[in-house]
């Protein structure tokens, strides 16, 4: 009977150690994931800002092009 209770105690301790290990690695992985998400959001915001600046420039150039095109049509 003593051997069975010792075996149960050892197995319980082993499972507890495995569960603790998995909990610790899961927490670390979550922190890494949070950092990755934070970096991706910052990169997304930078791309959005760059896109909006390029769009503004493109619209300005298109409007200047249309003005010059109209002037050219009027001179011909």
N, C-alpha and C. Protein backbone atom coordinates (compact mmCIF):
# COMPACT_ATOMS: atom_id res chain seq x y z
N UNK A 1 0.83 -1.19 0.00
CA UNK A 1 0.00 0.00 0.00
C UNK A 1 0.87 1.25 0.00
N UNK A 2 1.99 1.16 0.71
CA UNK A 2 2.90 2.30 0.79
C UNK A 2 3.48 2.62 -0.59
N UNK A 3 3.76 1.58 -1.39
CA UNK A 3 4.31 1.78 -2.73
C UNK A 3 3.30 2.46 -3.65
N UNK A 4 2.02 2.11 -3.52
CA UNK A 4 0.99 2.71 -4.36
C UNK A 4 0.82 4.19 -4.04
N UNK A 5 0.80 4.54 -2.76
CA UNK A 5 0.64 5.95 -2.39
C UNK A 5 1.86 6.76 -2.81
N UNK A 6 3.05 6.15 -2.74
CA UNK A 6 4.26 6.84 -3.19
C UNK A 6 4.21 7.06 -4.70
N UNK A 7 3.76 6.05 -5.42
CA UNK A 7 3.63 6.17 -6.87
C UNK A 7 2.63 7.26 -7.24
N UNK A 8 1.51 7.31 -6.56
CA UNK A 8 0.51 8.35 -6.81
C UNK A 8 1.09 9.73 -6.51
N UNK A 9 1.83 9.84 -5.42
CA UNK A 9 2.45 11.12 -5.05
C UNK A 9 3.46 11.56 -6.11
N UNK A 10 4.28 10.62 -6.58
CA UNK A 10 5.30 10.94 -7.58
C UNK A 10 4.64 11.36 -8.90
N UNK A 11 3.62 10.61 -9.32
CA UNK A 11 2.92 10.97 -10.56
C UNK A 11 2.22 12.32 -10.44
N UNK A 12 1.61 12.59 -9.29
CA UNK A 12 0.96 13.88 -9.07
C UNK A 12 1.95 15.02 -9.13
N UNK A 13 3.11 14.82 -8.51
CA UNK A 13 4.15 15.85 -8.54
C UNK A 13 4.66 16.06 -9.96
N UNK A 14 4.81 14.97 -10.71
CA UNK A 14 5.26 15.07 -12.10
C UNK A 14 4.26 15.85 -12.94
N UNK A 15 2.97 15.52 -12.82
CA UNK A 15 1.95 16.24 -13.57
C UNK A 15 1.88 17.71 -13.17
N UNK A 16 2.08 17.98 -11.89
CA UNK A 16 2.10 19.37 -11.42
C UNK A 16 3.25 20.14 -12.05
N UNK A 17 4.42 19.49 -12.13
CA UNK A 17 5.59 20.13 -12.73
C UNK A 17 5.35 20.39 -14.22
N UNK A 18 4.75 19.43 -14.91
CA UNK A 18 4.46 19.60 -16.33
C UNK A 18 3.45 20.73 -16.53
N UNK A 19 2.41 20.78 -15.70
CA UNK A 19 1.41 21.83 -15.82
C UNK A 19 2.02 23.21 -15.55
N UNK A 20 2.89 23.30 -14.56
CA UNK A 20 3.57 24.56 -14.26
C UNK A 20 4.44 24.99 -15.44
N UNK A 21 5.18 24.04 -16.00
CA UNK A 21 6.03 24.34 -17.15
C UNK A 21 5.20 24.87 -18.32
N UNK A 22 4.09 24.20 -18.62
CA UNK A 22 3.24 24.64 -19.72
C UNK A 22 2.64 26.01 -19.45
N UNK A 23 2.27 26.27 -18.21
CA UNK A 23 1.70 27.58 -17.88
C UNK A 23 2.74 28.68 -18.06
N UNK A 24 3.96 28.42 -17.66
CA UNK A 24 5.03 29.43 -17.79
C UNK A 24 5.35 29.67 -19.25
N UNK A 25 5.47 28.61 -20.04
CA UNK A 25 5.80 28.82 -21.45
C UNK A 25 4.65 29.48 -22.19
N UNK A 26 3.43 29.19 -21.82
CA UNK A 26 2.27 29.83 -22.46
C UNK A 26 2.26 31.33 -22.17
N UNK A 27 2.57 31.72 -20.96
CA UNK A 27 2.62 33.14 -20.59
C UNK A 27 3.71 33.85 -21.38
N UNK A 28 4.87 33.23 -21.50
CA UNK A 28 5.96 33.85 -22.25
C UNK A 28 5.57 33.99 -23.71
N UNK A 29 4.92 32.99 -24.24
CA UNK A 29 4.50 33.05 -25.64
C UNK A 29 3.48 34.16 -25.84
N UNK A 30 2.61 34.37 -24.87
CA UNK A 30 1.60 35.42 -24.97
C UNK A 30 2.28 36.79 -24.99
N UNK A 31 3.31 36.97 -24.18
CA UNK A 31 4.02 38.25 -24.17
C UNK A 31 4.69 38.49 -25.51
N UNK A 32 5.29 37.44 -26.09
CA UNK A 32 5.90 37.59 -27.41
C UNK A 32 4.86 37.96 -28.45
N UNK A 33 3.71 37.32 -28.36
CA UNK A 33 2.63 37.61 -29.30
C UNK A 33 2.15 39.05 -29.15
N UNK A 34 2.05 39.52 -27.92
CA UNK A 34 1.64 40.91 -27.70
C UNK A 34 2.63 41.89 -28.32
N UNK A 35 3.93 41.58 -28.19
CA UNK A 35 4.95 42.45 -28.79
C UNK A 35 4.84 42.44 -30.32
N UNK A 36 4.62 41.27 -30.88
CA UNK A 36 4.49 41.16 -32.33
C UNK A 36 3.28 41.96 -32.81
N UNK A 37 2.17 41.82 -32.11
CA UNK A 37 0.96 42.55 -32.49
C UNK A 37 1.18 44.06 -32.38
N UNK A 38 1.87 44.49 -31.33
CA UNK A 38 2.15 45.91 -31.14
C UNK A 38 3.01 46.44 -32.30
N UNK A 39 4.03 45.67 -32.68
CA UNK A 39 4.89 46.08 -33.79
C UNK A 39 4.13 46.12 -35.11
N UNK A 40 3.27 45.14 -35.33
CA UNK A 40 2.49 45.11 -36.56
C UNK A 40 1.51 46.28 -36.63
N UNK A 41 0.92 46.65 -35.50
CA UNK A 41 0.01 47.80 -35.50
C UNK A 41 0.76 49.09 -35.80
N UNK A 42 1.96 49.24 -35.24
CA UNK A 42 2.75 50.43 -35.52
C UNK A 42 3.14 50.48 -37.00
N UNK A 43 3.52 49.33 -37.55
CA UNK A 43 3.87 49.27 -38.96
C UNK A 43 2.66 49.59 -39.84
N UNK A 44 1.50 49.08 -39.46
CA UNK A 44 0.26 49.36 -40.20
C UNK A 44 -0.03 50.85 -40.19
N UNK A 45 0.12 51.48 -39.02
CA UNK A 45 -0.14 52.92 -38.93
C UNK A 45 0.83 53.71 -39.80
N UNK A 46 2.10 53.28 -39.83
CA UNK A 46 3.08 53.96 -40.69
C UNK A 46 2.72 53.82 -42.16
N UNK A 47 2.31 52.61 -42.57
CA UNK A 47 1.91 52.41 -43.96
C UNK A 47 0.68 53.25 -44.30
N UNK A 48 -0.25 53.34 -43.38
CA UNK A 48 -1.46 54.13 -43.62
C UNK A 48 -1.10 55.60 -43.80
N UNK A 49 -0.22 56.10 -42.94
CA UNK A 49 0.20 57.50 -43.03
C UNK A 49 0.91 57.75 -44.36
N UNK A 50 1.81 56.84 -44.74
CA UNK A 50 2.50 56.98 -46.02
C UNK A 50 1.52 56.95 -47.19
N UNK A 51 0.54 56.06 -47.11
CA UNK A 51 -0.46 55.96 -48.17
C UNK A 51 -1.25 57.26 -48.30
N UNK A 52 -1.66 57.82 -47.17
CA UNK A 52 -2.45 59.05 -47.21
C UNK A 52 -1.63 60.21 -47.78
N UNK A 53 -0.34 60.28 -47.43
CA UNK A 53 0.51 61.33 -48.00
C UNK A 53 0.67 61.16 -49.51
N UNK A 54 0.91 59.93 -49.95
CA UNK A 54 1.06 59.67 -51.38
C UNK A 54 -0.25 59.95 -52.13
N UNK A 55 -1.36 59.61 -51.52
CA UNK A 55 -2.67 59.87 -52.14
C UNK A 55 -2.89 61.37 -52.30
N UNK A 56 -2.54 62.14 -51.27
CA UNK A 56 -2.69 63.59 -51.33
C UNK A 56 -1.83 64.17 -52.46
N UNK A 57 -0.58 63.70 -52.53
CA UNK A 57 0.31 64.17 -53.60
C UNK A 57 -0.23 63.80 -54.98
N UNK A 58 -0.71 62.58 -55.10
CA UNK A 58 -1.24 62.12 -56.38
C UNK A 58 -2.44 62.96 -56.81
N UNK A 59 -3.33 63.27 -55.88
CA UNK A 59 -4.50 64.08 -56.21
C UNK A 59 -4.09 65.50 -56.62
N UNK A 60 -3.10 66.05 -55.94
CA UNK A 60 -2.61 67.38 -56.31
C UNK A 60 -2.02 67.37 -57.72
N UNK A 61 -1.23 66.35 -58.01
CA UNK A 61 -0.62 66.25 -59.34
C UNK A 61 -1.68 66.05 -60.41
N UNK A 62 -2.68 65.23 -60.12
CA UNK A 62 -3.76 65.01 -61.09
C UNK A 62 -4.53 66.30 -61.36
N UNK A 63 -4.78 67.09 -60.32
CA UNK A 63 -5.50 68.35 -60.53
C UNK A 63 -4.65 69.32 -61.35
N UNK A 64 -3.35 69.39 -61.09
CA UNK A 64 -2.47 70.24 -61.89
C UNK A 64 -2.43 69.76 -63.34
N UNK A 65 -2.41 68.46 -63.51
CA UNK A 65 -2.41 67.89 -64.86
C UNK A 65 -3.67 68.27 -65.62
N UNK A 66 -4.81 68.18 -64.95
CA UNK A 66 -6.08 68.55 -65.60
C UNK A 66 -6.09 70.03 -65.97
N UNK A 67 -5.56 70.88 -65.09
CA UNK A 67 -5.50 72.32 -65.40
C UNK A 67 -4.63 72.57 -66.62
N UNK A 68 -3.46 71.95 -66.64
CA UNK A 68 -2.56 72.14 -67.79
C UNK A 68 -3.16 71.56 -69.07
N UNK A 69 -3.86 70.47 -68.94
CA UNK A 69 -4.51 69.86 -70.10
C UNK A 69 -5.58 70.79 -70.67
N UNK A 70 -6.36 71.42 -69.79
CA UNK A 70 -7.38 72.38 -70.24
C UNK A 70 -6.74 73.59 -70.91
N UNK A 71 -5.64 74.10 -70.33
CA UNK A 71 -4.94 75.24 -70.93
C UNK A 71 -4.42 74.88 -72.32
N UNK A 72 -3.89 73.67 -72.43
CA UNK A 72 -3.37 73.23 -73.72
C UNK A 72 -4.49 73.09 -74.75
N UNK A 73 -5.63 72.57 -74.34
CA UNK A 73 -6.76 72.44 -75.25
C UNK A 73 -7.28 73.81 -75.69
N UNK A 74 -7.24 74.78 -74.79
CA UNK A 74 -7.71 76.13 -75.13
C UNK A 74 -6.76 76.84 -76.08
N UNK A 75 -5.49 76.52 -76.04
CA UNK A 75 -4.53 77.19 -76.92
C UNK A 75 -4.54 76.61 -78.32
N UNK A 76 -5.01 75.39 -78.48
CA UNK A 76 -5.01 74.75 -79.80
C UNK A 76 -6.18 75.14 -80.60
